[in-house]
Structure formats: C-alpha cells, structure tokens
Amino acid sequence: MSDRYTDKPFLRFVDAYVLKAIGHLDEATESYCKAMVPQLEQSFGIKGSWERIVERQMKFPPELAAQVLRIWTDGKARFAEGNGEAPDPRQFAMIFVDRNFGRA
C-alpha cells in the first residue's frame, strides 16, 4: 500500500478523511495526520485541522463526510450479501477516493 502514496503523498490524507467519515480511521493514521498539520498548513496555506485542510484543498462540500458515511452504511449489507464477507473499510476508502477524486 505504501506505493499508493509514493508520488501522491496528499492521497494518504484523502484516504484518511474517508476512513474517518466512516468511523474506521486507526489511531496511528490519525496521529500521523495530526502531526502533519504544520506541514500541511505551510504547503497549502490553509490553517486548521488536517480534516479542514483536506476539505478546503479538495473543495469538498460540507456535507461530504455525511454522504460518505451514508454510502458506506447503505452498501455494507449489500456487499456482505453478495460477497459472503464484510467489506474492508480501507479498500472501500481507496476505491471511493479513486472513483470520485481520480486518486486525488
């Protein structure tokens, strides 16, 4: 998975944003994102939490996190029914980002 971010380091934050929206952001990634806020603020000239920086940089509408959660919640049961197992939150996040934001 590390190769996913080699040429697009900001993509890590977009994936993390989606994972946070669906309630599956792990503590290590959350800590990393928080620790990177000063660098993000400097790089993008945007002040705030890492989530706000992602929203502003990506021009996300305010309701996006709630929409992502609704898609995740509505699709989990269908996925499990069709695949015989629960969906993987990280895979969902990566696919969601790739399909909707062109790998940021």
PDB file of N, CA and C in Angstrom:
ATOM      1  N   MET A   1       0.815  -1.187   0.000  1.00  0.00           N
ATOM      2  CA  MET A   1       0.000   0.000   0.000  1.00  0.00           C
ATOM      3  C   MET A   1       0.862   1.256   0.000  1.00  0.00           C
ATOM      4  N   SER A   2       2.060   1.196   0.498  1.00  0.00           N
ATOM      5  CA  SER A   2       2.902   2.392   0.544  1.00  0.00           C
ATOM      6  C   SER A   2       3.160   2.951  -0.848  1.00  0.00           C
ATOM      7  N   ASP A   3       3.200   2.096  -1.874  1.00  0.00           N
ATOM      8  CA  ASP A   3       3.431   2.590  -3.227  1.00  0.00           C
ATOM      9  C   ASP A   3       2.275   3.471  -3.710  1.00  0.00           C
ATOM     10  N   ARG A   4       1.104   3.326  -3.137  1.00  0.00           N
ATOM     11  CA  ARG A   4      -0.048   4.152  -3.487  1.00  0.00           C
ATOM     12  C   ARG A   4       0.247   5.629  -3.241  1.00  0.00           C
ATOM     13  N   TYR A   5       1.054   5.910  -2.243  1.00  0.00           N
ATOM     14  CA  TYR A   5       1.300   7.286  -1.839  1.00  0.00           C
ATOM     15  C   TYR A   5       2.647   7.844  -2.292  1.00  0.00           C
ATOM     16  N   THR A   6       3.458   7.048  -2.966  1.00  0.00           N
ATOM     17  CA  THR A   6       4.807   7.473  -3.330  1.00  0.00           C
ATOM     18  C   THR A   6       4.819   8.791  -4.095  1.00  0.00           C
ATOM     19  N   ASP A   7       4.067   8.881  -5.157  1.00  0.00           N
ATOM     20  CA  ASP A   7       4.059  10.095  -5.973  1.00  0.00           C
ATOM     21  C   ASP A   7       2.928  11.050  -5.617  1.00  0.00           C
ATOM     22  N   LYS A   8       2.059  10.639  -4.707  1.00  0.00           N
ATOM     23  CA  LYS A   8       0.908  11.456  -4.324  1.00  0.00           C
ATOM     24  C   LYS A   8       0.734  11.403  -2.806  1.00  0.00           C
ATOM     25  N   PRO A   9       1.612  12.049  -2.056  1.00  0.00           N
ATOM     26  CA  PRO A   9       1.537  11.954  -0.596  1.00  0.00           C
ATOM     27  C   PRO A   9       0.240  12.498  -0.004  1.00  0.00           C
ATOM     28  N   PHE A  10      -0.388  13.483  -0.662  1.00  0.00           N
ATOM     29  CA  PHE A  10      -1.639  14.037  -0.133  1.00  0.00           C
ATOM     30  C   PHE A  10      -2.763  13.007  -0.173  1.00  0.00           C
ATOM     31  N   LEU A  11      -2.646  12.029  -1.058  1.00  0.00           N
ATOM     32  CA  LEU A  11      -3.652  10.980  -1.183  1.00  0.00           C
ATOM     33  C   LEU A  11      -3.859  10.253   0.145  1.00  0.00           C
ATOM     34  N   ARG A  12      -2.801  10.115   0.934  1.00  0.00           N
ATOM     35  CA  ARG A  12      -2.903   9.476   2.252  1.00  0.00           C
ATOM     36  C   ARG A  12      -3.945  10.208   3.111  1.00  0.00           C
ATOM     37  N   PHE A  13      -3.969  11.532   3.029  1.00  0.00           N
ATOM     38  CA  PHE A  13      -4.893  12.321   3.833  1.00  0.00           C
ATOM     39  C   PHE A  13      -6.326  12.217   3.305  1.00  0.00           C
ATOM     40  N   VAL A  14      -6.473  12.106   2.003  1.00  0.00           N
ATOM     41  CA  VAL A  14      -7.806  11.950   1.423  1.00  0.00           C
ATOM     42  C   VAL A  14      -8.375  10.581   1.805  1.00  0.00           C
ATOM     43  N   ASP A  15      -7.553   9.536   1.714  1.00  0.00           N
ATOM     44  CA  ASP A  15      -7.994   8.213   2.168  1.00  0.00           C
ATOM     45  C   ASP A  15      -8.369   8.252   3.645  1.00  0.00           C
ATOM     46  N   ALA A  16      -7.539   8.914   4.457  1.00  0.00           N
ATOM     47  CA  ALA A  16      -7.796   9.018   5.893  1.00  0.00           C
ATOM     48  C   ALA A  16      -9.102   9.769   6.162  1.00  0.00           C
ATOM     49  N   TYR A  17      -9.369  10.786   5.363  1.00  0.00           N
ATOM     50  CA  TYR A  17     -10.615  11.554   5.504  1.00  0.00           C
ATOM     51  C   TYR A  17     -11.827  10.634   5.325  1.00  0.00           C
ATOM     52  N   VAL A  18     -11.782   9.796   4.304  1.00  0.00           N
ATOM     53  CA  VAL A  18     -12.887   8.872   4.051  1.00  0.00           C
ATOM     54  C   VAL A  18     -12.989   7.852   5.188  1.00  0.00           C
ATOM     55  N   LEU A  19     -11.857   7.320   5.624  1.00  0.00           N
ATOM     56  CA  LEU A  19     -11.874   6.364   6.735  1.00  0.00           C
ATOM     57  C   LEU A  19     -12.452   6.998   8.002  1.00  0.00           C
ATOM     58  N   LYS A  20     -12.109   8.238   8.258  1.00  0.00           N
ATOM     59  CA  LYS A  20     -12.657   8.926   9.435  1.00  0.00           C
ATOM     60  C   LYS A  20     -14.156   9.110   9.277  1.00  0.00           C
ATOM     61  N   ALA A  21     -14.593   9.459   8.083  1.00  0.00           N
ATOM     62  CA  ALA A  21     -16.022   9.671   7.833  1.00  0.00           C
ATOM     63  C   ALA A  21     -16.837   8.417   8.117  1.00  0.00           C
ATOM     64  N   ILE A  22     -16.254   7.247   7.863  1.00  0.00           N
ATOM     65  CA  ILE A  22     -16.998   6.000   8.075  1.00  0.00           C
ATOM     66  C   ILE A  22     -16.682   5.363   9.431  1.00  0.00           C
ATOM     67  N   GLY A  23     -15.887   6.056  10.240  1.00  0.00           N
ATOM     68  CA  GLY A  23     -15.605   5.573  11.586  1.00  0.00           C
ATOM     69  C   GLY A  23     -14.565   4.479  11.670  1.00  0.00           C
ATOM     70  N   HIS A  24     -13.646   4.418  10.686  1.00  0.00           N
ATOM     71  CA  HIS A  24     -12.639   3.355  10.663  1.00  0.00           C
ATOM     72  C   HIS A  24     -11.212   3.865  10.533  1.00  0.00           C
ATOM     73  N   LEU A  25     -10.963   5.092  10.980  1.00  0.00           N
ATOM     74  CA  LEU A  25      -9.603   5.610  10.934  1.00  0.00           C
ATOM     75  C   LEU A  25      -8.845   5.115  12.162  1.00  0.00           C
ATOM     76  N   ASP A  26      -7.754   4.397  11.937  1.00  0.00           N
ATOM     77  CA  ASP A  26      -6.980   3.852  13.051  1.00  0.00           C
ATOM     78  C   ASP A  26      -6.208   4.967  13.761  1.00  0.00           C
ATOM     79  N   GLU A  27      -5.853   4.700  15.018  1.00  0.00           N
ATOM     80  CA  GLU A  27      -5.182   5.712  15.839  1.00  0.00           C
ATOM     81  C   GLU A  27      -3.841   6.139  15.264  1.00  0.00           C
ATOM     82  N   ALA A  28      -3.078   5.203  14.721  1.00  0.00           N
ATOM     83  CA  ALA A  28      -1.755   5.540  14.174  1.00  0.00           C
ATOM     84  C   ALA A  28      -1.881   6.518  13.012  1.00  0.00           C
ATOM     85  N   THR A  29      -2.822   6.278  12.124  1.00  0.00           N
ATOM     86  CA  THR A  29      -3.005   7.168  10.980  1.00  0.00           C
ATOM     87  C   THR A  29      -3.541   8.516  11.434  1.00  0.00           C
ATOM     88  N   GLU A  30      -4.460   8.497  12.388  1.00  0.00           N
ATOM     89  CA  GLU A  30      -4.994   9.755  12.937  1.00  0.00           C
ATOM     90  C   GLU A  30      -3.863  10.574  13.554  1.00  0.00           C
ATOM     91  N   SER A  31      -2.999   9.926  14.318  1.00  0.00           N
ATOM     92  CA  SER A  31      -1.862  10.618  14.945  1.00  0.00           C
ATOM     93  C   SER A  31      -0.923  11.194  13.890  1.00  0.00           C
ATOM     94  N   TYR A  32      -0.656  10.415  12.841  1.00  0.00           N
ATOM     95  CA  TYR A  32       0.199  10.882  11.750  1.00  0.00           C
ATOM     96  C   TYR A  32      -0.410  12.129  11.107  1.00  0.00           C
ATOM     97  N   CYS A  33      -1.701  12.070  10.805  1.00  0.00           N
ATOM     98  CA  CYS A  33      -2.366  13.202  10.153  1.00  0.00           C
ATOM     99  C   CYS A  33      -2.305  14.445  11.030  1.00  0.00           C
ATOM    100  N   LYS A  34      -2.547  14.276  12.326  1.00  0.00           N
ATOM    101  CA  LYS A  34      -2.486  15.414  13.250  1.00  0.00           C
ATOM    102  C   LYS A  34      -1.070  15.981  13.314  1.00  0.00           C
ATOM    103  N   ALA A  35      -0.077  15.110  13.354  1.00  0.00           N
ATOM    104  CA  ALA A  35       1.316  15.560  13.435  1.00  0.00           C
ATOM    105  C   ALA A  35       1.748  16.322  12.187  1.00  0.00           C
ATOM    106  N   MET A  36       1.115  16.035  11.071  1.00  0.00           N
ATOM    107  CA  MET A  36       1.485  16.669   9.801  1.00  0.00           C
ATOM    108  C   MET A  36       0.789  18.009   9.557  1.00  0.00           C
ATOM    109  N   VAL A  37      -0.076  18.431  10.461  1.00  0.00           N
ATOM    110  CA  VAL A  37      -0.821  19.682  10.258  1.00  0.00           C
ATOM    111  C   VAL A  37       0.095  20.871   9.970  1.00  0.00           C
ATOM    112  N   PRO A  38       1.180  21.081  10.729  1.00  0.00           N
ATOM    113  CA  PRO A  38       2.028  22.243  10.394  1.00  0.00           C
ATOM    114  C   PRO A  38       2.574  22.202   8.964  1.00  0.00           C
ATOM    115  N   GLN A  39       2.973  21.027   8.497  1.00  0.00           N
ATOM    116  CA  GLN A  39       3.474  20.911   7.127  1.00  0.00           C
ATOM    117  C   GLN A  39       2.353  21.131   6.110  1.00  0.00           C
ATOM    118  N   LEU A  40       1.169  20.617   6.405  1.00  0.00           N
ATOM    119  CA  LEU A  40       0.030  20.825   5.508  1.00  0.00           C
ATOM    120  C   LEU A  40      -0.335  22.302   5.441  1.00  0.00           C
ATOM    121  N   GLU A  41      -0.354  22.954   6.605  1.00  0.00           N
ATOM    122  CA  GLU A  41      -0.665  24.388   6.626  1.00  0.00           C
ATOM    123  C   GLU A  41       0.344  25.167   5.794  1.00  0.00           C
ATOM    124  N   GLN A  42       1.597  24.819   5.935  1.00  0.00           N
ATOM    125  CA  GLN A  42       2.656  25.509   5.181  1.00  0.00           C
ATOM    126  C   GLN A  42       2.545  25.217   3.689  1.00  0.00           C
ATOM    127  N   SER A  43       2.313  23.962   3.338  1.00  0.00           N
ATOM    128  CA  SER A  43       2.243  23.572   1.923  1.00  0.00           C
ATOM    129  C   SER A  43       1.064  24.202   1.194  1.00  0.00           C
ATOM    130  N   PHE A  44      -0.092  24.255   1.866  1.00  0.00           N
ATOM    131  CA  PHE A  44      -1.310  24.679   1.181  1.00  0.00           C
ATOM    132  C   PHE A  44      -1.791  26.070   1.583  1.00  0.00           C
ATOM    133  N   GLY A  45      -1.147  26.664   2.589  1.00  0.00           N
ATOM    134  CA  GLY A  45      -1.562  27.991   3.021  1.00  0.00           C
ATOM    135  C   GLY A  45      -2.951  27.999   3.624  1.00  0.00           C
ATOM    136  N   ILE A  46      -3.333  26.887   4.226  1.00  0.00           N
ATOM    137  CA  ILE A  46      -4.652  26.741   4.834  1.00  0.00           C
ATOM    138  C   ILE A  46      -4.432  26.407   6.306  1.00  0.00           C
ATOM    139  N   LYS A  47      -5.092  27.123   7.187  1.00  0.00           N
ATOM    140  CA  LYS A  47      -4.985  26.865   8.627  1.00  0.00           C
ATOM    141  C   LYS A  47      -6.149  25.993   9.075  1.00  0.00           C
ATOM    142  N   GLY A  48      -5.882  25.122  10.059  1.00  0.00           N
ATOM    143  CA  GLY A  48      -6.949  24.315  10.632  1.00  0.00           C
ATOM    144  C   GLY A  48      -6.516  22.884  10.848  1.00  0.00           C
ATOM    145  N   SER A  49      -7.476  22.053  11.185  1.00  0.00           N
ATOM    146  CA  SER A  49      -7.216  20.633  11.382  1.00  0.00           C
ATOM    147  C   SER A  49      -6.885  19.982  10.040  1.00  0.00           C
ATOM    148  N   TRP A  50      -6.325  18.816  10.088  1.00  0.00           N
ATOM    149  CA  TRP A  50      -5.994  18.137   8.833  1.00  0.00           C
ATOM    150  C   TRP A  50      -7.256  17.865   8.026  1.00  0.00           C
ATOM    151  N   GLU A  51      -8.366  17.590   8.719  1.00  0.00           N
ATOM    152  CA  GLU A  51      -9.627  17.341   8.006  1.00  0.00           C
ATOM    153  C   GLU A  51     -10.073  18.594   7.244  1.00  0.00           C
ATOM    154  N   ARG A  52      -9.984  19.767   7.909  1.00  0.00           N
ATOM    155  CA  ARG A  52     -10.381  21.016   7.255  1.00  0.00           C
ATOM    156  C   ARG A  52      -9.465  21.332   6.081  1.00  0.00           C
ATOM    157  N   ILE A  53      -8.188  21.037   6.232  1.00  0.00           N
ATOM    158  CA  ILE A  53      -7.245  21.288   5.135  1.00  0.00           C
ATOM    159  C   ILE A  53      -7.599  20.408   3.933  1.00  0.00           C
ATOM    160  N   VAL A  54      -7.917  19.136   4.185  1.00  0.00           N
ATOM    161  CA  VAL A  54      -8.329  18.239   3.094  1.00  0.00           C
ATOM    162  C   VAL A  54      -9.594  18.779   2.439  1.00  0.00           C
ATOM    163  N   GLU A  55     -10.582  19.150   3.247  1.00  0.00           N
ATOM    164  CA  GLU A  55     -11.839  19.658   2.697  1.00  0.00           C
ATOM    165  C   GLU A  55     -11.609  20.894   1.817  1.00  0.00           C
ATOM    166  N   ARG A  56     -10.813  21.810   2.301  1.00  0.00           N
ATOM    167  CA  ARG A  56     -10.575  23.047   1.542  1.00  0.00           C
ATOM    168  C   ARG A  56      -9.745  22.784   0.297  1.00  0.00           C
ATOM    169  N   GLN A  57      -8.690  21.985   0.428  1.00  0.00           N
ATOM    170  CA  GLN A  57      -7.806  21.707  -0.703  1.00  0.00           C
ATOM    171  C   GLN A  57      -8.542  20.941  -1.802  1.00  0.00           C
ATOM    172  N   MET A  58      -9.389  20.006  -1.396  1.00  0.00           N
ATOM    173  CA  MET A  58     -10.131  19.177  -2.358  1.00  0.00           C
ATOM    174  C   MET A  58     -11.452  19.823  -2.776  1.00  0.00           C
ATOM    175  N   LYS A  59     -11.784  20.955  -2.139  1.00  0.00           N
ATOM    176  CA  LYS A  59     -13.055  21.641  -2.419  1.00  0.00           C
ATOM    177  C   LYS A  59     -14.260  20.742  -2.149  1.00  0.00           C
ATOM    178  N   PHE A  60     -14.173  20.010  -1.030  1.00  0.00           N
ATOM    179  CA  PHE A  60     -15.265  19.135  -0.630  1.00  0.00           C
ATOM    180  C   PHE A  60     -16.421  19.972  -0.094  1.00  0.00           C
ATOM    181  N   PRO A  61     -17.644  19.602  -0.431  1.00  0.00           N
ATOM    182  CA  PRO A  61     -18.791  20.290   0.158  1.00  0.00           C
ATOM    183  C   PRO A  61     -18.914  19.905   1.641  1.00  0.00           C
ATOM    184  N   PRO A  62     -19.530  20.748   2.448  1.00  0.00           N
ATOM    185  CA  PRO A  62     -19.619  20.489   3.887  1.00  0.00           C
ATOM    186  C   PRO A  62     -20.310  19.170   4.241  1.00  0.00           C
ATOM    187  N   GLU A  63     -21.203  18.728   3.393  1.00  0.00           N
ATOM    188  CA  GLU A  63     -21.969  17.516   3.696  1.00  0.00           C
ATOM    189  C   GLU A  63     -21.293  16.228   3.213  1.00  0.00           C
ATOM    190  N   LEU A  64     -20.080  16.317   2.646  1.00  0.00           N
ATOM    191  CA  LEU A  64     -19.455  15.126   2.057  1.00  0.00           C
ATOM    192  C   LEU A  64     -19.242  14.005   3.068  1.00  0.00           C
ATOM    193  N   ALA A  65     -18.730  14.307   4.253  1.00  0.00           N
ATOM    194  CA  ALA A  65     -18.469  13.246   5.233  1.00  0.00           C
ATOM    195  C   ALA A  65     -19.751  12.472   5.546  1.00  0.00           C
ATOM    196  N   ALA A  66     -20.856  13.172   5.706  1.00  0.00           N
ATOM    197  CA  ALA A  66     -22.137  12.504   5.985  1.00  0.00           C
ATOM    198  C   ALA A  66     -22.582  11.662   4.790  1.00  0.00           C
ATOM    199  N   GLN A  67     -22.340  12.147   3.587  1.00  0.00           N
ATOM    200  CA  GLN A  67     -22.704  11.381   2.387  1.00  0.00           C
ATOM    201  C   GLN A  67     -21.865  10.108   2.276  1.00  0.00           C
ATOM    202  N   VAL A  68     -20.578  10.219   2.560  1.00  0.00           N
ATOM    203  CA  VAL A  68     -19.699   9.045   2.512  1.00  0.00           C
ATOM    204  C   VAL A  68     -20.168   8.009   3.527  1.00  0.00           C
ATOM    205  N   LEU A  69     -20.483   8.467   4.732  1.00  0.00           N
ATOM    206  CA  LEU A  69     -20.974   7.546   5.765  1.00  0.00           C
ATOM    207  C   LEU A  69     -22.254   6.856   5.313  1.00  0.00           C
ATOM    208  N   ARG A  70     -23.146   7.591   4.694  1.00  0.00           N
ATOM    209  CA  ARG A  70     -24.409   7.009   4.216  1.00  0.00           C
ATOM    210  C   ARG A  70     -24.137   5.953   3.142  1.00  0.00           C
ATOM    211  N   ILE A  71     -23.227   6.225   2.226  1.00  0.00           N
ATOM    212  CA  ILE A  71     -22.880   5.256   1.178  1.00  0.00           C
ATOM    213  C   ILE A  71     -22.301   3.991   1.809  1.00  0.00           C
ATOM    214  N   TRP A  72     -21.389   4.170   2.763  1.00  0.00           N
ATOM    215  CA  TRP A  72     -20.773   3.035   3.461  1.00  0.00           C
ATOM    216  C   TRP A  72     -21.841   2.212   4.194  1.00  0.00           C
ATOM    217  N   THR A  73     -22.670   2.901   4.962  1.00  0.00           N
ATOM    218  CA  THR A  73     -23.686   2.225   5.768  1.00  0.00           C
ATOM    219  C   THR A  73     -24.681   1.493   4.875  1.00  0.00           C
ATOM    220  N   ASP A  74     -25.148   2.156   3.841  1.00  0.00           N
ATOM    221  CA  ASP A  74     -26.137   1.547   2.946  1.00  0.00           C
ATOM    222  C   ASP A  74     -25.550   0.376   2.156  1.00  0.00           C
ATOM    223  N   GLY A  75     -24.276   0.446   1.824  1.00  0.00           N
ATOM    224  CA  GLY A  75     -23.676  -0.583   0.983  1.00  0.00           C
ATOM    225  C   GLY A  75     -23.110  -1.784   1.712  1.00  0.00           C
ATOM    226  N   LYS A  76     -22.860  -1.661   3.030  1.00  0.00           N
ATOM    227  CA  LYS A  76     -22.237  -2.764   3.781  1.00  0.00           C
ATOM    228  C   LYS A  76     -23.018  -4.067   3.683  1.00  0.00           C
ATOM    229  N   ALA A  77     -24.304  -3.999   3.925  1.00  0.00           N
ATOM    230  CA  ALA A  77     -25.127  -5.211   3.918  1.00  0.00           C
ATOM    231  C   ALA A  77     -25.175  -5.828   2.521  1.00  0.00           C
ATOM    232  N   ARG A  78     -25.338  -4.976   1.501  1.00  0.00           N
ATOM    233  CA  ARG A  78     -25.372  -5.496   0.121  1.00  0.00           C
ATOM    234  C   ARG A  78     -24.055  -6.166  -0.233  1.00  0.00           C
ATOM    235  N   PHE A  79     -22.945  -5.555   0.156  1.00  0.00           N
ATOM    236  CA  PHE A  79     -21.632  -6.124  -0.124  1.00  0.00           C
ATOM    237  C   PHE A  79     -21.497  -7.480   0.562  1.00  0.00           C
ATOM    238  N   ALA A  80     -21.824  -7.539   1.830  1.00  0.00           N
ATOM    239  CA  ALA A  80     -21.697  -8.789   2.594  1.00  0.00           C
ATOM    240  C   ALA A  80     -22.581  -9.879   1.987  1.00  0.00           C
ATOM    241  N   GLU A  81     -23.775  -9.502   1.587  1.00  0.00           N
ATOM    242  CA  GLU A  81     -24.700 -10.463   0.985  1.00  0.00           C
ATOM    243  C   GLU A  81     -24.151 -11.008  -0.331  1.00  0.00           C
ATOM    244  N   GLY A  82     -23.593 -10.134  -1.132  1.00  0.00           N
ATOM    245  CA  GLY A  82     -23.096 -10.527  -2.443  1.00  0.00           C
ATOM    246  C   GLY A  82     -21.736 -11.206  -2.417  1.00  0.00           C
ATOM    247  N   ASN A  83     -20.943 -10.953  -1.374  1.00  0.00           N
ATOM    248  CA  ASN A  83     -19.580 -11.474  -1.324  1.00  0.00           C
ATOM    249  C   ASN A  83     -19.330 -12.471  -0.207  1.00  0.00           C
ATOM    250  N   GLY A  84     -20.295 -12.647   0.662  1.00  0.00           N
ATOM    251  CA  GLY A  84     -20.140 -13.616   1.736  1.00  0.00           C
ATOM    252  C   GLY A  84     -19.191 -13.176   2.840  1.00  0.00           C
ATOM    253  N   GLU A  85     -18.830 -11.909   2.849  1.00  0.00           N
ATOM    254  CA  GLU A  85     -17.970 -11.373   3.907  1.00  0.00           C
ATOM    255  C   GLU A  85     -18.193  -9.881   4.031  1.00  0.00           C
ATOM    256  N   ALA A  86     -17.805  -9.341   5.177  1.00  0.00           N
ATOM    257  CA  ALA A  86     -17.957  -7.907   5.405  1.00  0.00           C
ATOM    258  C   ALA A  86     -16.978  -7.133   4.526  1.00  0.00           C
ATOM    259  N   PRO A  87     -17.351  -5.935   4.114  1.00  0.00           N
ATOM    260  CA  PRO A  87     -16.434  -5.122   3.313  1.00  0.00           C
ATOM    261  C   PRO A  87     -15.252  -4.637   4.151  1.00  0.00           C
ATOM    262  N   ASP A  88     -14.132  -4.445   3.494  1.00  0.00           N
ATOM    263  CA  ASP A  88     -12.943  -3.925   4.154  1.00  0.00           C
ATOM    264  C   ASP A  88     -12.979  -2.398   4.094  1.00  0.00           C
ATOM    265  N   PRO A  89     -12.949  -1.725   5.239  1.00  0.00           N
ATOM    266  CA  PRO A  89     -13.043  -0.259   5.229  1.00  0.00           C
ATOM    267  C   PRO A  89     -11.918   0.416   4.452  1.00  0.00           C
ATOM    268  N   ARG A  90     -10.694  -0.087   4.543  1.00  0.00           N
ATOM    269  CA  ARG A  90      -9.566   0.533   3.819  1.00  0.00           C
ATOM    270  C   ARG A  90      -9.764   0.388   2.308  1.00  0.00           C
ATOM    271  N   GLN A  91     -10.200  -0.781   1.897  1.00  0.00           N
ATOM    272  CA  GLN A  91     -10.447  -0.990   0.472  1.00  0.00           C
ATOM    273  C   GLN A  91     -11.569  -0.071  -0.007  1.00  0.00           C
ATOM    274  N   PHE A  92     -12.629   0.041   0.795  1.00  0.00           N
ATOM    275  CA  PHE A  92     -13.720   0.951   0.450  1.00  0.00           C
ATOM    276  C   PHE A  92     -13.189   2.366   0.262  1.00  0.00           C
ATOM    277  N   ALA A  93     -12.376   2.831   1.222  1.00  0.00           N
ATOM    278  CA  ALA A  93     -11.847   4.195   1.161  1.00  0.00           C
ATOM    279  C   ALA A  93     -11.028   4.417  -0.108  1.00  0.00           C
ATOM    280  N   MET A  94     -10.147   3.484  -0.410  1.00  0.00           N
ATOM    281  CA  MET A  94      -9.303   3.646  -1.601  1.00  0.00           C
ATOM    282  C   MET A  94     -10.127   3.637  -2.879  1.00  0.00           C
ATOM    283  N   ILE A  95     -11.075   2.726  -2.971  1.00  0.00           N
ATOM    284  CA  ILE A  95     -11.922   2.661  -4.163  1.00  0.00           C
ATOM    285  C   ILE A  95     -12.773   3.919  -4.269  1.00  0.00           C
ATOM    286  N   PHE A  96     -13.331   4.360  -3.144  1.00  0.00           N
ATOM    287  CA  PHE A  96     -14.152   5.573  -3.149  1.00  0.00           C
ATOM    288  C   PHE A  96     -13.340   6.776  -3.630  1.00  0.00           C
ATOM    289  N   VAL A  97     -12.153   6.929  -3.097  1.00  0.00           N
ATOM    290  CA  VAL A  97     -11.296   8.060  -3.480  1.00  0.00           C
ATOM    291  C   VAL A  97     -10.921   7.963  -4.957  1.00  0.00           C
ATOM    292  N   ASP A  98     -10.495   6.774  -5.391  1.00  0.00           N
ATOM    293  CA  ASP A  98     -10.082   6.609  -6.795  1.00  0.00           C
ATOM    294  C   ASP A  98     -11.230   6.903  -7.758  1.00  0.00           C
ATOM    295  N   ARG A  99     -12.413   6.420  -7.437  1.00  0.00           N
ATOM    296  CA  ARG A  99     -13.558   6.609  -8.340  1.00  0.00           C
ATOM    297  C   ARG A  99     -14.089   8.033  -8.355  1.00  0.00           C
ATOM    298  N   ASN A 100     -14.038   8.693  -7.201  1.00  0.00           N
ATOM    299  CA  ASN A 100     -14.654  10.008  -7.094  1.00  0.00           C
ATOM    300  C   ASN A 100     -13.696  11.180  -7.231  1.00  0.00           C
ATOM    301  N   PHE A 101     -12.427  10.938  -6.966  1.00  0.00           N
ATOM    302  CA  PHE A 101     -11.477  12.043  -6.965  1.00  0.00           C
ATOM    303  C   PHE A 101     -10.254  11.762  -7.819  1.00  0.00           C
ATOM    304  N   GLY A 102     -10.305  10.725  -8.647  1.00  0.00           N
ATOM    305  CA  GLY A 102      -9.205  10.427  -9.567  1.00  0.00           C
ATOM    306  C   GLY A 102      -7.872  10.273  -8.883  1.00  0.00           C
ATOM    307  N   ARG A 103      -7.863   9.586  -7.748  1.00  0.00           N
ATOM    308  CA  ARG A 103      -6.654   9.359  -6.946  1.00  0.00           C
ATOM    309  C   ARG A 103      -6.028  10.667  -6.484  1.00  0.00           C
ATOM    310  N   ALA A 104      -6.921  11.647  -6.248  1.00  0.00           N
ATOM    311  CA  ALA A 104      -6.530  12.951  -5.695  1.00  0.00           C
ATOM    312  C   ALA A 104      -5.253  13.414  -6.329  1.00  0.00           C
TER     313      ALA A 104
END
